[in-house]
C-alpha atoms as a PDB file:
ATOM      1  CA  MET A   1     -53.301  39.146 135.163  1.00  0.00           C
ATOM      2  CA  SER A   2     -50.429  41.588 134.647  1.00  0.00           C
ATOM      3  CA  GLU A   3     -49.193  42.712 131.275  1.00  0.00           C
ATOM      4  CA  GLN A   4     -45.994  41.040 130.057  1.00  0.00           C
ATOM      5  CA  GLU A   5     -42.909  43.177 130.627  1.00  0.00           C
ATOM      6  CA  ARG A   6     -41.682  44.809 127.426  1.00  0.00           C
ATOM      7  CA  ILE A   7     -38.076  45.685 126.741  1.00  0.00           C
ATOM      8  CA  LEU A   8     -37.763  48.258 123.994  1.00  0.00           C
ATOM      9  CA  PHE A   9     -34.403  48.673 122.294  1.00  0.00           C
ATOM     10  CA  HIS A  10     -33.067  50.625 119.396  1.00  0.00           C
ATOM     11  CA  GLY A  11     -29.848  52.519 119.869  1.00  0.00           C
ATOM     12  CA  MET A  12     -26.545  51.442 121.265  1.00  0.00           C
ATOM     13  CA  ARG A  13     -26.905  53.860 124.173  1.00  0.00           C
ATOM     14  CA  ASP A  14     -30.103  52.177 125.346  1.00  0.00           C
ATOM     15  CA  ALA A  15     -29.926  50.030 128.481  1.00  0.00           C
ATOM     16  CA  HIS A  16     -30.440  47.041 126.180  1.00  0.00           C
ATOM     17  CA  GLY A  17     -28.333  48.330 123.304  1.00  0.00           C
ATOM     18  CA  TYR A  18     -26.441  45.031 123.259  1.00  0.00           C
ATOM     19  CA  LEU A  19     -29.508  43.565 121.512  1.00  0.00           C
ATOM     20  CA  SER A  20     -28.825  45.776 118.492  1.00  0.00           C
ATOM     21  CA  ASN A  21     -27.140  44.277 115.449  1.00  0.00           C
ATOM     22  CA  PHE A  22     -24.812  47.282 115.533  1.00  0.00           C
ATOM     23  CA  TRP A  23     -23.363  46.202 118.916  1.00  0.00           C
ATOM     24  CA  PRO A  24     -19.583  45.644 118.578  1.00  0.00           C
ATOM     25  CA  ALA A  25     -19.499  41.895 119.139  1.00  0.00           C
ATOM     26  CA  PRO A  26     -17.459  40.172 116.427  1.00  0.00           C
ATOM     27  CA  ILE A  27     -18.742  36.787 115.308  1.00  0.00           C
ATOM     28  CA  THR A  28     -17.064  33.992 113.409  1.00  0.00           C
ATOM     29  CA  LEU A  29     -19.169  32.464 110.658  1.00  0.00           C
ATOM     30  CA  LYS A  30     -18.246  30.972 107.290  1.00  0.00           C
ATOM     31  CA  GLY A  31     -14.667  30.691 108.524  1.00  0.00           C
ATOM     32  CA  VAL A  32     -14.099  34.442 108.922  1.00  0.00           C
ATOM     33  CA  VAL A  33     -14.618  37.107 111.556  1.00  0.00           C
ATOM     34  CA  TRP A  34     -17.451  39.598 111.045  1.00  0.00           C
ATOM     35  CA  PRO A  35     -17.222  42.839 113.079  1.00  0.00           C
ATOM     36  CA  THR A  36     -20.948  42.804 113.935  1.00  0.00           C
ATOM     37  CA  THR A  37     -24.063  40.801 113.192  1.00  0.00           C
ATOM     38  CA  GLU A  38     -25.121  43.701 110.952  1.00  0.00           C
ATOM     39  CA  HIS A  39     -22.028  43.220 108.801  1.00  0.00           C
ATOM     40  CA  TYR A  40     -22.789  39.520 108.449  1.00  0.00           C
ATOM     41  CA  PHE A  41     -26.486  39.935 107.731  1.00  0.00           C
ATOM     42  CA  GLN A  42     -26.036  42.662 105.113  1.00  0.00           C
ATOM     43  CA  ALA A  43     -23.178  40.818 103.404  1.00  0.00           C
ATOM     44  CA  GLN A  44     -25.257  37.660 103.033  1.00  0.00           C
ATOM     45  CA  LYS A  45     -27.541  39.536 100.651  1.00  0.00           C
ATOM     46  CA  PHE A  46     -24.621  39.125  98.231  1.00  0.00           C
ATOM     47  CA  ALA A  47     -23.177  35.768  99.355  1.00  0.00           C
ATOM     48  CA  GLY A  48     -20.543  34.381  97.026  1.00  0.00           C
ATOM     49  CA  THR A  49     -19.810  37.721  95.361  1.00  0.00           C
ATOM     50  CA  GLU A  50     -17.145  40.361  95.851  1.00  0.00           C
ATOM     51  CA  HIS A  51     -19.802  42.503  97.591  1.00  0.00           C
ATOM     52  CA  GLU A  52     -19.938  40.051 100.494  1.00  0.00           C
ATOM     53  CA  GLU A  53     -16.281  40.607 101.366  1.00  0.00           C
ATOM     54  CA  ALA A  54     -16.486  44.349 100.701  1.00  0.00           C
ATOM     55  CA  ILE A  55     -19.254  44.672 103.288  1.00  0.00           C
ATOM     56  CA  ARG A  56     -17.368  42.511 105.793  1.00  0.00           C
ATOM     57  CA  ARG A  57     -14.417  44.879 105.621  1.00  0.00           C
ATOM     58  CA  VAL A  58     -16.184  48.222 106.110  1.00  0.00           C
ATOM     59  CA  ALA A  59     -15.431  50.250 109.216  1.00  0.00           C
ATOM     60  CA  SER A  60     -18.879  50.434 110.786  1.00  0.00           C
ATOM     61  CA  PRO A  61     -22.210  48.621 110.923  1.00  0.00           C
ATOM     62  CA  MET A  62     -23.909  51.780 109.623  1.00  0.00           C
ATOM     63  CA  ILE A  63     -21.823  51.627 106.443  1.00  0.00           C
ATOM     64  CA  ALA A  64     -22.527  47.892 106.152  1.00  0.00           C
ATOM     65  CA  ALA A  65     -26.253  48.610 106.466  1.00  0.00           C
ATOM     66  CA  ARG A  66     -26.142  51.306 103.800  1.00  0.00           C
ATOM     67  CA  MET A  67     -24.239  49.046 101.434  1.00  0.00           C
ATOM     68  CA  GLY A  68     -26.617  46.151 102.027  1.00  0.00           C
ATOM     69  CA  ARG A  69     -29.693  48.281 101.483  1.00  0.00           C
ATOM     70  CA  SER A  70     -28.384  49.829  98.294  1.00  0.00           C
ATOM     71  CA  ARG A  71     -29.906  48.300  95.213  1.00  0.00           C
ATOM     72  CA  ALA A  72     -26.837  49.278  93.184  1.00  0.00           C
ATOM     73  CA  ARG A  73     -25.646  45.732  93.927  1.00  0.00           C
ATOM     74  CA  PRO A  74     -27.539  42.690  92.636  1.00  0.00           C
ATOM     75  CA  LEU A  75     -29.465  41.122  95.526  1.00  0.00           C
ATOM     76  CA  ARG A  76     -29.023  37.380  95.861  1.00  0.00           C
ATOM     77  CA  ALA A  77     -31.808  35.269  94.391  1.00  0.00           C
ATOM     78  CA  GLY A  78     -34.334  34.091  96.959  1.00  0.00           C
ATOM     79  CA  TRP A  79     -33.232  36.546  99.637  1.00  0.00           C
ATOM     80  CA  ASP A  80     -36.680  36.929 101.172  1.00  0.00           C
ATOM     81  CA  ALA A  81     -36.904  33.167 101.668  1.00  0.00           C
ATOM     82  CA  VAL A  82     -33.633  32.963 103.647  1.00  0.00           C
ATOM     83  CA  LYS A  83     -33.242  36.305 105.421  1.00  0.00           C
ATOM     84  CA  GLU A  84     -34.770  35.225 108.720  1.00  0.00           C
ATOM     85  CA  GLN A  85     -32.658  32.062 108.858  1.00  0.00           C
ATOM     86  CA  ILE A  86     -29.545  34.148 108.222  1.00  0.00           C
ATOM     87  CA  MET A  87     -30.531  36.613 110.954  1.00  0.00           C
ATOM     88  CA  LEU A  88     -31.122  33.704 113.336  1.00  0.00           C
ATOM     89  CA  GLU A  89     -27.709  32.246 112.464  1.00  0.00           C
ATOM     90  CA  ALA A  90     -26.047  35.607 113.208  1.00  0.00           C
ATOM     91  CA  LEU A  91     -27.897  36.032 116.514  1.00  0.00           C
ATOM     92  CA  ARG A  92     -27.050  32.521 117.654  1.00  0.00           C
ATOM     93  CA  ALA A  93     -23.396  33.205 116.909  1.00  0.00           C
ATOM     94  CA  LYS A  94     -23.431  36.524 118.768  1.00  0.00           C
ATOM     95  CA  PHE A  95     -25.057  35.226 121.924  1.00  0.00           C
ATOM     96  CA  THR A  96     -23.138  31.932 122.089  1.00  0.00           C
ATOM     97  CA  GLN A  97     -19.727  33.277 121.069  1.00  0.00           C
ATOM     98  CA  HIS A  98     -20.068  36.070 123.655  1.00  0.00           C
ATOM     99  CA  PRO A  99     -21.258  34.321 126.836  1.00  0.00           C
ATOM    100  CA  ASP A 100     -21.560  37.640 128.680  1.00  0.00           C
ATOM    101  CA  LEU A 101     -24.094  38.827 126.105  1.00  0.00           C
ATOM    102  CA  GLY A 102     -25.839  35.455 126.209  1.00  0.00           C
ATOM    103  CA  GLU A 103     -26.212  35.841 129.966  1.00  0.00           C
ATOM    104  CA  ARG A 104     -27.617  39.358 129.566  1.00  0.00           C
ATOM    105  CA  LEU A 105     -30.113  38.061 127.013  1.00  0.00           C
ATOM    106  CA  ARG A 106     -31.158  35.204 129.296  1.00  0.00           C
ATOM    107  CA  ALA A 107     -31.554  37.676 132.156  1.00  0.00           C
ATOM    108  CA  THR A 108     -34.395  39.349 130.247  1.00  0.00           C
ATOM    109  CA  GLY A 109     -36.477  36.401 131.430  1.00  0.00           C
ATOM    110  CA  ASP A 110     -39.775  36.200 129.604  1.00  0.00           C
ATOM    111  CA  ALA A 111     -39.983  39.898 128.692  1.00  0.00           C
ATOM    112  CA  LEU A 112     -41.244  40.796 125.252  1.00  0.00           C
ATOM    113  CA  LEU A 113     -38.245  42.119 123.279  1.00  0.00           C
ATOM    114  CA  VAL A 114     -39.201  44.877 120.863  1.00  0.00           C
ATOM    115  CA  GLU A 115     -36.967  46.684 118.422  1.00  0.00           C
ATOM    116  CA  GLN A 116     -38.500  50.143 118.403  1.00  0.00           C
ATOM    117  CA  ARG A 117     -37.871  51.492 114.921  1.00  0.00           C
ATOM    118  CA  ALA A 118     -40.191  53.929 113.236  1.00  0.00           C
ATOM    119  CA  ARG A 119     -38.754  53.225 109.784  1.00  0.00           C
ATOM    120  CA  ASP A 120     -38.835  49.435 109.967  1.00  0.00           C
ATOM    121  CA  ALA A 121     -42.116  47.582 110.302  1.00  0.00           C
ATOM    122  CA  TYR A 122     -40.569  44.221 109.402  1.00  0.00           C
ATOM    123  CA  TRP A 123     -37.622  43.775 111.774  1.00  0.00           C
ATOM    124  CA  GLY A 124     -38.960  46.375 114.211  1.00  0.00           C
ATOM    125  CA  ASP A 125     -42.271  47.602 115.562  1.00  0.00           C
ATOM    126  CA  GLY A 126     -42.704  50.362 113.001  1.00  0.00           C
ATOM    127  CA  GLY A 127     -42.474  52.902 115.821  1.00  0.00           C
ATOM    128  CA  ASN A 128     -46.153  52.488 116.668  1.00  0.00           C
ATOM    129  CA  GLY A 129     -46.197  48.881 117.857  1.00  0.00           C
ATOM    130  CA  HIS A 130     -47.896  47.600 114.709  1.00  0.00           C
ATOM    131  CA  GLY A 131     -44.779  46.257 112.978  1.00  0.00           C
ATOM    132  CA  LEU A 132     -43.850  42.592 112.793  1.00  0.00           C
ATOM    133  CA  ASN A 133     -40.899  42.932 115.214  1.00  0.00           C
ATOM    134  CA  ARG A 134     -39.161  39.949 113.642  1.00  0.00           C
ATOM    135  CA  LEU A 135     -35.798  40.851 115.215  1.00  0.00           C
ATOM    136  CA  GLY A 136     -37.413  40.814 118.656  1.00  0.00           C
ATOM    137  CA  ALA A 137     -39.065  37.480 117.890  1.00  0.00           C
ATOM    138  CA  LEU A 138     -35.780  35.914 116.781  1.00  0.00           C
ATOM    139  CA  LEU A 139     -33.985  37.280 119.849  1.00  0.00           C
ATOM    140  CA  MET A 140     -36.646  35.696 122.045  1.00  0.00           C
ATOM    141  CA  ARG A 141     -36.145  32.410 120.193  1.00  0.00           C
ATOM    142  CA  VAL A 142     -32.386  32.523 120.846  1.00  0.00           C
ATOM    143  CA  ARG A 143     -33.084  33.443 124.473  1.00  0.00           C
ATOM    144  CA  GLY A 144     -35.285  30.367 124.801  1.00  0.00           C
ATOM    145  CA  GLU A 145     -32.574  28.179 123.283  1.00  0.00           C
ATOM    146  CA  LEU A 146     -30.036  29.590 125.752  1.00  0.00           C
ATOM    147  CA  GLN A 147     -32.374  29.060 128.697  1.00  0.00           C
ATOM    148  CA  VAL A 148     -32.944  25.422 127.733  1.00  0.00           C
ATOM    149  CA  GLY A 149     -29.205  24.903 127.346  1.00  0.00           C
ATOM    150  CA  THR A 150     -28.520  25.861 130.971  1.00  0.00           C
END
């Protein structure tokens, strides 16, 4: 039995950089356009506050990430309970609102998608393969939904 193919991604310059939340693929959710899924995800930490809109309007996903990770803003109550659902919502929007990206995701077949990030053992693999890789898992879920829909 052969080992399952693994697709590692991290940066935008990677062959599979389109899997990154920093990829410039605007999505429409909550009645407005978000420049990237990163903007949307980070802003939802502060849903219903002025911080949500401030993050939506920043020039880059890196700035959105920094703002969302800063604890200078009050994090929404219950964030840990909803963060994966919000990420899934953003990914579904990205890969359905951009059919070309949806097709690229589907074309990964049954490969294991792994966000290779040394400093993130929750969304990524922790750099050593021992992280939870939740972003990869959610991408594979969306891929499965897209494959069923065709």
